[in-house]
Amino acid sequence: MAAKLTADPDTRIIEITEAPVDGFQALDVQEDIYEPLKDDWFSDSTLQNSKFPFRTFGDPKTATTQIGPYVFFDNLNGWRFQPFDADHTLVINGNIVGESSVEGENVPLFIGRAGRQITILSEQSAQALTVQAGSGLSTEQDTKLDELHRLQGLKSGEPMTVTPSSRTSGDISQTITGDGESSTTVTRT
């Protein structure tokens, strides 16, 4: 069984069973919740009779994208977490999202304990808030896109200057030739 929690498929409650220390408890979404419960589901025949209440997205160890792992929790179908039965602060480290928020509903992830003062804090992984995978463009494509951006006068701090015979933006210069009525040619110099 998961060392810090137990799952009851009949009540659909995942109870945190590890006692807080000095009024404080921290659980990691991946290491303390998702992975141990996944192991329990594979090894416990009672749990295998019900659908695993989590799904994941992203993994910082794969490919070149660095999207922190997100664990989606099936709170739409009645699953809830229940903190340990003591006054304390519970910190959830990692990225756990209730399926209800994906569906636009407001269904809680946690149920309380009568007569207890429990504060629940969520600390999301900063890695999950940014994607450091690049634009997907090749270096040449990225350079061309940047130049087009600059030539249209769209890059802040690099205005495009146009005269009857030239067009310039930063280090990009073009000459303008022709009569301006029937034919105009713009050439990069």
C-alpha atoms as a PDB file:
ATOM      1  CA  MET A   1       0.000   0.000   0.000  1.00  0.00           C
ATOM      2  CA  ALA A   2       1.031   3.603  -0.548  1.00  0.00           C
ATOM      3  CA  ALA A   3       3.049   4.655   2.480  1.00  0.00           C
ATOM      4  CA  LYS A   4       1.330   7.982   3.044  1.00  0.00           C
ATOM      5  CA  LEU A   5      -2.237   7.378   1.868  1.00  0.00           C
ATOM      6  CA  THR A   6      -4.905   4.795   1.156  1.00  0.00           C
ATOM      7  CA  ALA A   7      -7.597   4.662  -1.500  1.00  0.00           C
ATOM      8  CA  ASP A   8     -11.100   3.356  -0.919  1.00  0.00           C
ATOM      9  CA  PRO A   9     -12.914   2.638  -4.210  1.00  0.00           C
ATOM     10  CA  ASP A  10     -16.298   2.351  -2.453  1.00  0.00           C
ATOM     11  CA  THR A  11     -16.236   5.819  -0.829  1.00  0.00           C
ATOM     12  CA  ARG A  12     -13.906   7.228  -3.528  1.00  0.00           C
ATOM     13  CA  ILE A  13     -11.780   8.824  -0.839  1.00  0.00           C
ATOM     14  CA  ILE A  14      -7.998   8.905  -0.894  1.00  0.00           C
ATOM     15  CA  GLU A  15      -7.126   9.377   2.743  1.00  0.00           C
ATOM     16  CA  ILE A  16      -3.794  10.807   3.803  1.00  0.00           C
ATOM     17  CA  THR A  17      -2.665   8.413   6.537  1.00  0.00           C
ATOM     18  CA  GLU A  18       0.748   9.816   7.426  1.00  0.00           C
ATOM     19  CA  ALA A  19       0.608  12.132  10.449  1.00  0.00           C
ATOM     20  CA  PRO A  20       1.913  15.694  10.091  1.00  0.00           C
ATOM     21  CA  VAL A  21       5.040  16.653  12.024  1.00  0.00           C
ATOM     22  CA  ASP A  22       4.903  19.847  14.111  1.00  0.00           C
ATOM     23  CA  GLY A  23       1.652  20.860  12.404  1.00  0.00           C
ATOM     24  CA  PHE A  24       3.091  20.545   8.896  1.00  0.00           C
ATOM     25  CA  GLN A  25       2.907  17.965   6.143  1.00  0.00           C
ATOM     26  CA  ALA A  26       4.198  18.051   2.551  1.00  0.00           C
ATOM     27  CA  LEU A  27       3.292  15.600  -0.206  1.00  0.00           C
ATOM     28  CA  ASP A  28       4.864  15.413  -3.645  1.00  0.00           C
ATOM     29  CA  VAL A  29       2.280  14.787  -6.374  1.00  0.00           C
ATOM     30  CA  GLN A  30       4.478  12.349  -8.306  1.00  0.00           C
ATOM     31  CA  GLU A  31       6.423  10.589  -5.543  1.00  0.00           C
ATOM     32  CA  ASP A  32       3.892  10.480  -2.714  1.00  0.00           C
ATOM     33  CA  ILE A  33       0.550  10.388  -4.526  1.00  0.00           C
ATOM     34  CA  TYR A  34       0.551   9.298  -8.172  1.00  0.00           C
ATOM     35  CA  GLU A  35       3.345   6.683  -8.286  1.00  0.00           C
ATOM     36  CA  PRO A  36       2.468   4.842  -5.025  1.00  0.00           C
ATOM     37  CA  LEU A  37      -1.234   4.742  -5.886  1.00  0.00           C
ATOM     38  CA  LYS A  38      -0.479   3.536  -9.418  1.00  0.00           C
ATOM     39  CA  ASP A  39       1.559   0.700  -7.882  1.00  0.00           C
ATOM     40  CA  ASP A  40      -1.329  -0.089  -5.508  1.00  0.00           C
ATOM     41  CA  TRP A  41      -3.806  -0.224  -8.405  1.00  0.00           C
ATOM     42  CA  PHE A  42      -1.646  -2.736 -10.268  1.00  0.00           C
ATOM     43  CA  SER A  43      -1.158  -4.971  -7.239  1.00  0.00           C
ATOM     44  CA  ASP A  44      -4.507  -4.799  -5.408  1.00  0.00           C
ATOM     45  CA  SER A  45      -7.376  -6.800  -6.912  1.00  0.00           C
ATOM     46  CA  THR A  46     -10.008  -4.679  -5.108  1.00  0.00           C
ATOM     47  CA  LEU A  47      -8.607  -1.457  -6.573  1.00  0.00           C
ATOM     48  CA  GLN A  48      -8.317  -3.049 -10.015  1.00  0.00           C
ATOM     49  CA  ASN A  49     -12.114  -3.307 -10.117  1.00  0.00           C
ATOM     50  CA  SER A  50     -12.384   0.488 -10.321  1.00  0.00           C
ATOM     51  CA  LYS A  51     -10.901   2.960 -12.758  1.00  0.00           C
ATOM     52  CA  PHE A  52      -7.604   4.549 -11.697  1.00  0.00           C
ATOM     53  CA  PRO A  53      -8.575   8.134 -10.740  1.00  0.00           C
ATOM     54  CA  PHE A  54      -5.517   9.811 -12.291  1.00  0.00           C
ATOM     55  CA  ARG A  55      -4.074  10.509 -15.692  1.00  0.00           C
ATOM     56  CA  THR A  56      -0.863  12.305 -16.532  1.00  0.00           C
ATOM     57  CA  PHE A  57       0.503  14.656 -19.150  1.00  0.00           C
ATOM     58  CA  GLY A  58       4.097  15.682 -19.747  1.00  0.00           C
ATOM     59  CA  ASP A  59       7.343  14.423 -18.352  1.00  0.00           C
ATOM     60  CA  PRO A  60      10.475  16.535 -17.934  1.00  0.00           C
ATOM     61  CA  LYS A  61      12.644  13.534 -18.831  1.00  0.00           C
ATOM     62  CA  THR A  62      11.388  13.044 -22.395  1.00  0.00           C
ATOM     63  CA  ALA A  63      12.089  14.665 -25.766  1.00  0.00           C
ATOM     64  CA  THR A  64      13.185  18.274 -25.961  1.00  0.00           C
ATOM     65  CA  THR A  65      10.095  19.893 -24.516  1.00  0.00           C
ATOM     66  CA  GLN A  66      10.283  20.475 -20.812  1.00  0.00           C
ATOM     67  CA  ILE A  67       6.712  20.392 -19.632  1.00  0.00           C
ATOM     68  CA  GLY A  68       6.533  19.454 -16.003  1.00  0.00           C
ATOM     69  CA  PRO A  69       4.325  16.472 -15.312  1.00  0.00           C
ATOM     70  CA  TYR A  70       0.683  17.264 -14.761  1.00  0.00           C
ATOM     71  CA  VAL A  71      -1.462  14.808 -12.846  1.00  0.00           C
ATOM     72  CA  PHE A  72      -5.172  15.069 -13.557  1.00  0.00           C
ATOM     73  CA  PHE A  73      -7.395  13.846 -10.716  1.00  0.00           C
ATOM     74  CA  ASP A  74     -10.855  12.423 -11.409  1.00  0.00           C
ATOM     75  CA  ASN A  75     -12.857  14.559  -8.983  1.00  0.00           C
ATOM     76  CA  LEU A  76     -15.786  14.699 -11.433  1.00  0.00           C
ATOM     77  CA  ASN A  77     -16.688  11.095 -10.565  1.00  0.00           C
ATOM     78  CA  GLY A  78     -16.695  11.593  -6.824  1.00  0.00           C
ATOM     79  CA  TRP A  79     -13.031  11.037  -5.941  1.00  0.00           C
ATOM     80  CA  ARG A  80     -11.685  13.319  -3.186  1.00  0.00           C
ATOM     81  CA  PHE A  81      -8.630  13.581  -0.984  1.00  0.00           C
ATOM     82  CA  GLN A  82      -9.094  13.667   2.769  1.00  0.00           C
ATOM     83  CA  PRO A  83      -6.286  15.162   4.875  1.00  0.00           C
ATOM     84  CA  PHE A  84      -4.980  13.508   8.027  1.00  0.00           C
ATOM     85  CA  ASP A  85      -7.275  13.931  11.041  1.00  0.00           C
ATOM     86  CA  ALA A  86      -5.319  16.666  12.863  1.00  0.00           C
ATOM     87  CA  ASP A  87      -4.944  20.453  12.774  1.00  0.00           C
ATOM     88  CA  HIS A  88      -2.113  21.188  10.326  1.00  0.00           C
ATOM     89  CA  THR A  89      -0.897  22.779   7.112  1.00  0.00           C
ATOM     90  CA  LEU A  90      -0.758  20.454   4.125  1.00  0.00           C
ATOM     91  CA  VAL A  91       1.470  21.441   1.198  1.00  0.00           C
ATOM     92  CA  ILE A  92       0.965  19.691  -2.136  1.00  0.00           C
ATOM     93  CA  ASN A  93       4.154  19.998  -4.206  1.00  0.00           C
ATOM     94  CA  GLY A  94       3.650  19.497  -7.921  1.00  0.00           C
ATOM     95  CA  ASN A  95       1.018  19.906 -10.553  1.00  0.00           C
ATOM     96  CA  ILE A  96      -2.307  18.309  -9.772  1.00  0.00           C
ATOM     97  CA  VAL A  97      -5.402  19.468 -11.616  1.00  0.00           C
ATOM     98  CA  GLY A  98      -8.952  18.374 -10.966  1.00  0.00           C
ATOM     99  CA  GLU A  99     -10.800  17.101 -14.025  1.00  0.00           C
ATOM    100  CA  SER A 100     -13.606  19.458 -12.975  1.00  0.00           C
ATOM    101  CA  SER A 101     -11.431  22.487 -13.740  1.00  0.00           C
ATOM    102  CA  VAL A 102     -10.710  21.061 -17.195  1.00  0.00           C
ATOM    103  CA  GLU A 103     -14.462  20.722 -17.748  1.00  0.00           C
ATOM    104  CA  GLY A 104     -15.172  24.217 -16.387  1.00  0.00           C
ATOM    105  CA  GLU A 105     -16.868  23.021 -13.210  1.00  0.00           C
ATOM    106  CA  ASN A 106     -15.959  23.837  -9.626  1.00  0.00           C
ATOM    107  CA  VAL A 107     -15.705  20.558  -7.725  1.00  0.00           C
ATOM    108  CA  PRO A 108     -13.300  20.429  -4.757  1.00  0.00           C
ATOM    109  CA  LEU A 109     -10.324  18.073  -4.636  1.00  0.00           C
ATOM    110  CA  PHE A 110     -10.385  17.799  -0.835  1.00  0.00           C
ATOM    111  CA  ILE A 111     -13.016  17.082   1.774  1.00  0.00           C
ATOM    112  CA  GLY A 112     -12.542  18.475   5.249  1.00  0.00           C
ATOM    113  CA  ARG A 113     -12.364  16.991   8.703  1.00  0.00           C
ATOM    114  CA  ALA A 114     -15.051  18.069  11.181  1.00  0.00           C
ATOM    115  CA  GLY A 115     -13.651  20.254  13.953  1.00  0.00           C
ATOM    116  CA  ARG A 116     -10.192  20.483  12.369  1.00  0.00           C
ATOM    117  CA  GLN A 117      -8.271  23.522  11.133  1.00  0.00           C
ATOM    118  CA  ILE A 118      -6.476  22.337   7.986  1.00  0.00           C
ATOM    119  CA  THR A 119      -4.791  24.717   5.553  1.00  0.00           C
ATOM    120  CA  ILE A 120      -4.009  23.302   2.134  1.00  0.00           C
ATOM    121  CA  LEU A 121      -1.364  24.965  -0.028  1.00  0.00           C
ATOM    122  CA  SER A 122      -0.483  24.030  -3.596  1.00  0.00           C
ATOM    123  CA  GLU A 123       3.024  24.677  -4.903  1.00  0.00           C
ATOM    124  CA  GLN A 124       3.137  24.141  -8.645  1.00  0.00           C
ATOM    125  CA  SER A 125       6.335  23.310 -10.449  1.00  0.00           C
ATOM    126  CA  ALA A 126       7.751  26.402 -12.178  1.00  0.00           C
ATOM    127  CA  GLN A 127       8.934  24.088 -14.944  1.00  0.00           C
ATOM    128  CA  ALA A 128       5.325  23.381 -15.781  1.00  0.00           C
ATOM    129  CA  LEU A 129       4.591  27.062 -16.229  1.00  0.00           C
ATOM    130  CA  THR A 130       7.096  27.537 -19.059  1.00  0.00           C
ATOM    131  CA  VAL A 131       7.953  25.552 -22.133  1.00  0.00           C
ATOM    132  CA  GLN A 132      11.606  25.714 -23.131  1.00  0.00           C
ATOM    133  CA  ALA A 133      11.304  23.847 -26.387  1.00  0.00           C
ATOM    134  CA  GLY A 134      11.800  26.670 -28.905  1.00  0.00           C
ATOM    135  CA  SER A 135       9.511  27.714 -31.705  1.00  0.00           C
ATOM    136  CA  GLY A 136       9.878  24.621 -33.863  1.00  0.00           C
ATOM    137  CA  LEU A 137      11.439  26.728 -36.639  1.00  0.00           C
ATOM    138  CA  SER A 138      14.855  26.032 -38.097  1.00  0.00           C
ATOM    139  CA  THR A 139      17.559  28.670 -37.509  1.00  0.00           C
ATOM    140  CA  GLU A 140      17.170  29.905 -41.093  1.00  0.00           C
ATOM    141  CA  GLN A 141      13.373  30.126 -40.763  1.00  0.00           C
ATOM    142  CA  ASP A 142      13.699  31.955 -37.447  1.00  0.00           C
ATOM    143  CA  THR A 143      16.133  34.474 -38.988  1.00  0.00           C
ATOM    144  CA  LYS A 144      13.815  35.125 -41.944  1.00  0.00           C
ATOM    145  CA  LEU A 145      10.816  35.581 -39.652  1.00  0.00           C
ATOM    146  CA  ASP A 146      12.791  38.042 -37.485  1.00  0.00           C
ATOM    147  CA  GLU A 147      13.846  40.026 -40.577  1.00  0.00           C
ATOM    148  CA  LEU A 148      10.256  40.217 -41.859  1.00  0.00           C
ATOM    149  CA  HIS A 149       9.176  41.384 -38.416  1.00  0.00           C
ATOM    150  CA  ARG A 150      11.814  44.120 -38.470  1.00  0.00           C
ATOM    151  CA  LEU A 151      11.100  45.167 -42.083  1.00  0.00           C
ATOM    152  CA  GLN A 152       7.451  45.757 -41.243  1.00  0.00           C
ATOM    153  CA  GLY A 153       8.475  48.087 -38.410  1.00  0.00           C
ATOM    154  CA  LEU A 154       6.995  45.721 -35.824  1.00  0.00           C
ATOM    155  CA  LYS A 155      10.069  45.159 -33.650  1.00  0.00           C
ATOM    156  CA  SER A 156      10.090  47.458 -30.655  1.00  0.00           C
ATOM    157  CA  GLY A 157      13.148  49.716 -30.610  1.00  0.00           C
ATOM    158  CA  GLU A 158      13.937  49.117 -34.300  1.00  0.00           C
ATOM    159  CA  PRO A 159      11.785  51.410 -36.390  1.00  0.00           C
ATOM    160  CA  MET A 160      11.612  50.975 -40.144  1.00  0.00           C
ATOM    161  CA  THR A 161      12.729  54.080 -42.060  1.00  0.00           C
ATOM    162  CA  VAL A 162      11.478  54.565 -45.609  1.00  0.00           C
ATOM    163  CA  THR A 163      12.625  57.223 -48.113  1.00  0.00           C
ATOM    164  CA  PRO A 164      11.787  57.475 -51.820  1.00  0.00           C
ATOM    165  CA  SER A 165      14.961  55.455 -52.590  1.00  0.00           C
ATOM    166  CA  SER A 166      15.521  53.185 -49.532  1.00  0.00           C
ATOM    167  CA  ARG A 167      14.012  51.179 -46.752  1.00  0.00           C
ATOM    168  CA  THR A 168      16.043  50.412 -43.570  1.00  0.00           C
ATOM    169  CA  SER A 169      15.459  48.619 -40.292  1.00  0.00           C
ATOM    170  CA  GLY A 170      18.465  48.009 -38.051  1.00  0.00           C
ATOM    171  CA  ASP A 171      21.170  46.335 -40.155  1.00  0.00           C
ATOM    172  CA  ILE A 172      18.759  45.455 -42.997  1.00  0.00           C
ATOM    173  CA  SER A 173      18.937  47.869 -45.940  1.00  0.00           C
ATOM    174  CA  GLN A 174      16.998  47.833 -49.201  1.00  0.00           C
ATOM    175  CA  THR A 175      17.093  50.117 -52.227  1.00  0.00           C
ATOM    176  CA  ILE A 176      13.950  51.209 -53.993  1.00  0.00           C
ATOM    177  CA  THR A 177      14.090  51.832 -57.751  1.00  0.00           C
ATOM    178  CA  GLY A 178      11.514  52.428 -60.452  1.00  0.00           C
ATOM    179  CA  ASP A 179       9.019  55.144 -61.211  1.00  0.00           C
ATOM    180  CA  GLY A 180       6.714  54.339 -58.276  1.00  0.00           C
ATOM    181  CA  GLU A 181       3.687  54.180 -60.541  1.00  0.00           C
ATOM    182  CA  SER A 182       3.982  51.334 -63.017  1.00  0.00           C
ATOM    183  CA  SER A 183       7.046  49.564 -61.620  1.00  0.00           C
ATOM    184  CA  THR A 184       8.887  49.524 -58.296  1.00  0.00           C
ATOM    185  CA  THR A 185      11.735  47.192 -57.388  1.00  0.00           C
ATOM    186  CA  VAL A 186      13.003  46.651 -53.846  1.00  0.00           C
ATOM    187  CA  THR A 187      16.466  45.048 -53.601  1.00  0.00           C
ATOM    188  CA  ARG A 188      18.358  44.062 -50.468  1.00  0.00           C
ATOM    189  CA  THR A 189      21.813  45.678 -50.300  1.00  0.00           C
END
